[in-house]
Protein backbone atom coordinates (compact mmCIF):
# COMPACT_ATOMS: atom_id res chain seq x y z
CA MET A 1 -3.02 -19.16 5.56
CA PRO A 2 -1.65 -20.95 2.46
CA MET A 3 0.27 -18.66 0.10
CA LEU A 4 2.43 -19.35 -2.92
CA LEU A 5 6.13 -18.76 -2.28
CA ILE A 6 8.30 -17.51 -5.14
CA LYS A 7 12.04 -17.00 -4.78
CA GLY A 8 13.77 -14.33 -6.83
CA SER A 9 15.32 -10.88 -6.61
CA TYR A 10 14.34 -7.24 -6.34
CA GLU A 11 15.57 -4.83 -9.02
CA ILE A 12 15.02 -1.09 -8.70
CA THR A 13 17.30 0.69 -11.18
CA GLY A 14 15.20 2.30 -13.90
CA THR A 15 12.00 1.95 -11.87
CA GLN A 16 10.05 4.26 -9.55
CA PRO A 17 9.52 2.35 -6.30
CA ASP A 18 7.57 3.86 -3.43
CA GLY A 19 6.69 2.69 0.05
CA ASP A 20 4.40 -0.12 -1.09
CA THR A 21 5.41 -0.86 -4.70
CA VAL A 22 8.60 -2.49 -6.01
CA HIS A 23 9.76 -4.71 -8.88
CA PHE A 24 10.56 -8.40 -8.49
CA THR A 25 11.94 -11.06 -10.85
CA PRO A 26 11.47 -14.77 -10.02
CA ASP A 27 14.44 -17.10 -10.38
CA ASP A 28 12.05 -19.13 -12.53
CA PRO A 29 9.77 -16.71 -14.46
CA ASN A 30 7.48 -19.64 -15.32
CA GLN A 31 6.31 -19.58 -11.71
CA TRP A 32 4.25 -16.45 -12.51
CA ASP A 33 1.91 -18.88 -14.27
CA LEU A 34 1.04 -20.27 -10.83
CA VAL A 35 -0.40 -16.91 -9.75
CA GLY A 36 -3.95 -15.98 -10.72
CA GLY A 37 -6.51 -13.38 -9.82
CA PRO A 38 -10.30 -13.02 -10.11
CA GLY A 39 -11.49 -13.74 -13.63
CA GLY A 40 -8.21 -15.46 -14.46
CA ARG A 41 -6.08 -12.31 -14.24
CA ARG A 42 -2.40 -13.09 -14.65
CA VAL A 43 0.69 -11.25 -13.46
CA GLN A 44 1.84 -8.75 -16.07
CA HIS A 45 5.59 -9.07 -16.54
CA GLY A 46 8.37 -8.32 -18.99
CA ALA A 47 10.39 -10.67 -21.13
CA THR A 48 12.83 -11.37 -18.30
CA GLY A 49 10.01 -12.01 -15.84
CA ARG A 50 10.27 -8.70 -14.00
CA ALA A 51 6.90 -7.63 -12.58
CA THR A 52 5.50 -4.99 -10.28
CA LEU A 53 4.52 -5.97 -6.76
CA ARG A 54 1.80 -4.26 -4.78
CA LEU A 55 2.62 -4.96 -1.17
CA ASP A 56 -0.34 -6.62 0.51
CA ALA A 57 -2.19 -5.08 3.48
CA ILE A 58 -0.31 -1.75 3.56
CA ASP A 59 -0.62 1.68 1.97
CA ALA A 60 2.24 4.20 2.12
CA LEU A 61 2.03 7.88 1.27
CA GLU A 62 2.06 8.58 -2.46
CA THR A 63 5.22 9.80 -4.17
CA HIS A 64 3.59 10.16 -7.60
CA TYR A 65 -0.14 9.54 -8.04
CA GLY A 66 -2.01 9.71 -11.34
CA PRO A 67 -1.08 11.32 -14.65
CA ASP A 68 -0.27 14.60 -12.90
CA ARG A 69 2.08 12.75 -10.52
CA VAL A 70 0.61 14.32 -7.41
CA HIS A 71 2.37 13.44 -4.16
CA GLN A 72 1.61 13.48 -0.46
CA PRO A 73 3.98 15.19 2.02
CA LEU A 74 7.35 13.94 0.83
CA GLN A 75 8.88 13.81 4.29
CA PHE A 76 6.91 10.63 4.93
CA ALA A 77 6.42 9.44 1.35
CA HIS A 78 10.18 9.35 0.81
CA ALA A 79 10.84 7.99 4.29
CA ALA A 80 8.58 5.03 3.50
CA ARG A 81 10.24 4.44 0.13
CA ASP A 82 13.73 4.64 1.60
CA GLU A 83 12.87 2.34 4.51
CA LEU A 84 11.41 -0.26 2.14
CA LEU A 85 14.47 -0.27 -0.11
CA THR A 86 16.86 -0.44 2.83
CA ARG A 87 14.91 -3.33 4.32
CA LEU A 88 15.12 -5.19 1.01
CA GLY A 89 18.90 -4.82 1.04
CA PHE A 90 19.69 -1.76 -1.10
CA THR A 91 22.11 1.01 -0.22
CA GLY A 92 23.39 4.09 -2.04
CA VAL A 93 20.10 4.53 -3.88
CA GLN A 94 20.09 7.56 -6.18
CA HIS A 95 16.96 9.08 -7.75
CA GLN A 96 16.10 11.47 -10.51
CA PRO A 97 13.57 14.24 -9.71
CA ASP A 98 10.81 12.11 -11.29
CA GLU A 99 11.52 9.38 -8.67
CA THR A 100 13.32 7.05 -11.13
CA VAL A 101 16.20 5.13 -9.51
CA THR A 102 19.45 5.74 -11.38
CA ALA A 103 21.82 3.68 -9.21
CA ALA A 104 21.75 1.32 -6.24
CA THR A 105 23.96 -1.23 -4.53
CA PRO A 106 23.60 -4.11 -5.21
CA GLU A 107 22.06 -4.16 -8.69
CA SER A 108 19.62 -6.82 -7.48
CA ALA A 109 18.83 -8.07 -3.99
CA PRO A 110 17.75 -11.67 -3.28
CA GLY A 111 14.41 -12.27 -1.67
CA PHE A 112 11.04 -13.95 -1.88
CA ILE A 113 7.35 -13.16 -2.08
CA LEU A 114 4.22 -14.79 -0.70
CA THR A 115 1.13 -14.29 -2.82
CA ARG A 116 -2.46 -15.32 -3.47
CA GLY A 117 -3.18 -13.30 -6.61
CA THR A 118 -3.12 -10.12 -8.66
CA ASP A 119 -4.90 -6.78 -8.73
CA VAL A 120 -6.86 -5.23 -11.60
CA HIS A 121 -3.65 -3.77 -13.06
CA GLY A 122 -1.91 -7.15 -13.25
CA ARG A 123 0.37 -6.38 -10.31
CA CYS A 124 1.18 -9.27 -8.00
CA ILE A 125 -0.27 -8.66 -4.53
CA ALA A 126 2.34 -9.98 -2.15
CA LEU A 127 4.00 -10.16 1.21
CA ALA A 128 7.66 -9.49 0.51
CA GLY A 129 10.79 -10.65 2.27
CA SER A 130 14.54 -10.35 1.84
CA GLY A 131 17.17 -13.05 1.99
CA ALA A 132 16.49 -16.77 2.21
CA PRO A 133 12.87 -17.89 1.78
CA PRO A 134 11.00 -19.86 4.47
CA GLY A 135 10.26 -22.75 2.09
CA PRO A 136 10.66 -24.10 -1.46
CA SER A 137 9.88 -21.84 -4.39
CA GLY A 138 6.82 -22.64 -6.46
CA LEU A 139 4.88 -24.27 -3.63
CA ASP A 140 2.29 -23.11 -1.12
CA ILE A 141 3.40 -22.67 2.47
CA ASP A 142 1.39 -21.88 5.58
CA VAL A 143 1.82 -18.19 6.44
CA ASP A 144 1.17 -17.51 10.11
CA GLU A 145 2.02 -14.55 12.32
CA THR A 146 5.62 -15.74 12.72
CA VAL A 147 6.20 -15.75 8.96
CA LEU A 148 4.35 -12.44 8.57
CA ARG A 149 6.74 -10.80 11.03
CA THR A 150 9.67 -11.56 8.69
CA THR A 151 8.14 -9.53 5.83
CA VAL A 152 8.70 -5.91 4.92
CA ASN A 153 4.91 -5.43 4.97
CA HIS A 154 4.89 -6.08 8.72
CA HIS A 155 7.98 -3.93 9.24
CA MET A 156 6.54 -0.91 7.43
CA VAL A 157 3.47 -0.94 9.67
CA ALA A 158 5.53 -1.55 12.82
CA VAL A 159 7.74 1.51 12.22
CA GLY A 160 4.71 3.70 11.45
CA LEU A 161 5.53 4.44 7.81
CA ALA A 162 2.54 2.67 6.23
CA TYR A 163 -1.14 2.46 7.06
CA PRO A 164 -2.72 -0.96 7.44
CA THR A 165 -5.12 -1.34 4.50
CA PHE A 166 -6.92 -4.66 4.35
CA TYR A 167 -8.60 -6.61 1.57
CA ARG A 168 -10.70 -9.75 1.93
CA SER A 169 -8.01 -12.09 0.67
CA LEU A 170 -5.98 -11.55 3.86
CA PHE A 171 -6.75 -14.06 6.61
CA THR A 172 -8.14 -12.85 9.93
CA SER A 173 -5.11 -13.89 12.01
CA LEU A 174 -2.71 -11.91 9.80
CA ARG A 175 -5.03 -8.92 9.84
CA ALA A 176 -5.15 -9.06 13.63
CA GLU A 177 -1.35 -9.08 13.86
CA LEU A 178 -1.03 -6.05 11.58
CA THR A 179 -3.79 -4.25 13.48
CA SER A 180 -1.93 -4.83 16.74
CA VAL A 181 1.40 -3.48 15.47
CA ALA A 182 -0.32 -0.49 13.82
CA GLN A 183 -2.00 0.41 17.09
CA GLN A 184 1.31 0.06 18.93
CA ALA A 185 3.02 2.32 16.40
CA ARG A 186 0.24 4.89 16.72
CA ALA A 187 0.29 4.82 20.52
CA SER A 188 4.07 5.26 20.66
CA GLY A 189 4.12 8.05 18.07
CA GLN A 190 6.13 6.16 15.48
CA GLY A 191 6.72 7.47 11.96
CA LEU A 192 3.83 9.40 10.43
CA TRP A 193 1.35 8.87 13.26
CA PRO A 194 1.97 12.12 15.18
CA SER A 195 1.10 14.00 11.97
CA ASP A 196 -1.83 11.81 10.87
CA ALA A 197 -5.13 13.70 10.45
CA THR A 198 -7.24 10.90 8.97
CA THR A 199 -9.60 10.59 11.95
CA THR A 200 -8.96 13.92 13.67
CA GLY A 201 -9.89 16.12 10.72
CA ALA A 202 -7.96 17.78 7.91
CA LYS A 203 -8.76 21.23 6.55
CA ILE A 204 -8.46 21.15 2.76
CA THR A 205 -8.01 24.60 1.21
CA GLY A 206 -6.74 23.31 -2.11
CA LEU A 207 -4.52 20.68 -3.69
CA SER A 208 -1.44 22.12 -2.00
CA SER A 209 -2.95 21.23 1.37
CA LEU A 210 -2.81 17.57 0.36
CA THR A 211 0.59 17.65 -1.32
CA ASP A 212 2.52 19.74 1.20
CA ASP A 213 0.88 19.66 4.62
CA ILE A 214 -1.74 17.04 5.40
CA VAL A 215 -0.94 13.42 6.27
CA ILE A 216 -3.94 11.16 5.68
CA LEU A 217 -4.76 7.63 4.57
CA PRO A 218 -3.58 7.36 0.93
CA LYS A 219 -6.90 5.91 -0.24
CA LEU A 220 -8.67 9.01 1.10
CA PHE A 221 -5.97 11.21 -0.47
CA ARG A 222 -6.53 9.63 -3.88
CA ARG A 223 -10.28 10.17 -3.68
CA LEU A 224 -9.77 13.80 -2.67
CA VAL A 225 -7.32 14.45 -5.53
CA ASP A 226 -9.75 12.97 -8.06
CA TYR A 227 -12.60 15.02 -6.61
CA LEU A 228 -10.68 18.32 -6.56
CA LYS A 229 -10.00 17.97 -10.28
CA LEU A 230 -13.77 18.22 -10.80
CA SER A 231 -14.78 20.74 -8.13
CA ASN A 232 -14.30 24.41 -7.30
CA GLY A 233 -12.43 23.57 -4.11
CA SER A 234 -15.43 23.11 -1.82
CA LEU A 235 -15.83 19.69 -0.22
CA ALA A 236 -19.61 20.06 0.07
CA CYS A 237 -20.21 17.53 -2.70
CA PHE A 238 -17.40 15.19 -1.70
CA PRO A 239 -19.75 12.67 -0.01
CA ALA A 240 -21.81 12.47 -3.20
CA PHE A 241 -18.61 11.89 -5.17
CA LEU A 242 -17.62 9.07 -2.83
CA ALA A 243 -21.05 7.51 -3.24
CA GLY A 244 -20.49 7.49 -6.98
CA VAL A 245 -17.07 5.85 -6.72
CA GLN A 246 -18.60 3.07 -4.60
CA ASP A 247 -15.60 1.58 -2.85
CA ARG A 248 -16.99 -1.63 -1.35
CA TYR A 249 -15.92 -2.66 2.13
CA SER A 250 -17.01 -3.87 5.55
CA ILE A 251 -16.68 -2.10 8.91
CA LEU A 252 -15.26 -4.72 11.24
CA SER A 253 -16.48 -3.13 14.48
CA THR A 254 -20.13 -3.03 13.31
CA GLY A 255 -20.30 -5.76 10.68
CA GLU A 256 -21.86 -3.27 8.27
CA ARG A 257 -21.36 -3.74 4.52
CA CYS A 258 -20.92 -0.46 2.67
CA ALA A 259 -20.70 0.86 -0.88
CA GLY A 260 -18.93 4.20 -0.84
CA LEU A 261 -16.61 5.88 1.65
CA GLN A 262 -19.28 8.47 2.38
CA ASP A 263 -20.44 6.10 5.15
CA VAL A 264 -17.16 6.60 7.03
CA VAL A 265 -16.18 10.12 5.92
CA GLU A 266 -17.56 13.34 7.37
CA VAL A 267 -17.27 16.83 5.87
CA THR A 268 -17.75 19.95 7.98
CA ASP A 269 -17.55 23.62 7.00
CA SER A 270 -17.21 22.49 3.36
CA GLN A 271 -13.45 22.28 3.98
CA THR A 272 -12.70 19.79 6.76
CA VAL A 273 -12.74 16.06 6.11
CA GLN A 274 -12.24 13.18 8.50
CA MET A 275 -12.86 9.46 8.63
CA THR A 276 -15.02 8.13 11.45
CA HIS A 277 -13.21 4.78 11.61
CA PRO A 278 -9.47 4.04 11.59
CA ALA A 279 -8.00 2.27 8.59
CA GLU A 280 -7.66 -1.06 10.40
CA ASP A 281 -11.43 -1.18 11.04
CA LEU A 282 -12.16 -1.48 7.30
CA VAL A 283 -11.82 -4.47 4.98
CA PHE A 284 -12.12 -3.65 1.28
CA ASP A 285 -13.33 -5.82 -1.59
CA GLU A 286 -10.69 -6.30 -4.26
CA ALA A 287 -11.90 -4.60 -7.46
């Protein structure tokens, strides 16, 4: 799978990284001009070239979602954030209560990214690595399973601190590798998996259920948070809400194309929600 390699450094002081989002500055900021998304979307970056990365193919529990900064159970949300930063080379990371990093050693950590584009918010969607890059910066390289295994994306899934969450831009061979390590992590009870209720069923009695107790796929969490802002607490109308949101995706095991998570989400007793397919069985369209 050809992907653009960009060499640079990670910088976290003054930012709010989580388990799948971090800031990166290329050694040559002009190389952001080589990255494009659908409709010509460009990477949004500051004057020094610093931009936000969305780590490709993974989704970690939320530390601060939406304007109300709602979080998922912080035991795993913070574990994912801390593991990511450690893997990128940072130690002694200190945070304010609002998740902003106030200090870290070193101030910046060398690394590289592998990318094929941006998301709707202008974030670079990337595989991220630390240390020396596997090729020259500013050029495409072939990313196979061996290269993928050197990235923090792969590591976060392997240790069970991030869900595999696939979009169409990711090649089948890389998706298969991440599916395999996710299933191994689940089977061996790594990380969040012993607590995961995505496919076994989660009883939602209010927002505090989602913030304090229940571990579920972050995409499902985000939809539930948005829904609960509009409802009286009952999940009876949640499928209709999902139909209106119209997430577009395919179910790999059936080949079915869907518009709306209501096709893979069941609600019982107006309080219990569960997905009928694991995360790795879905491939989403990029918005």
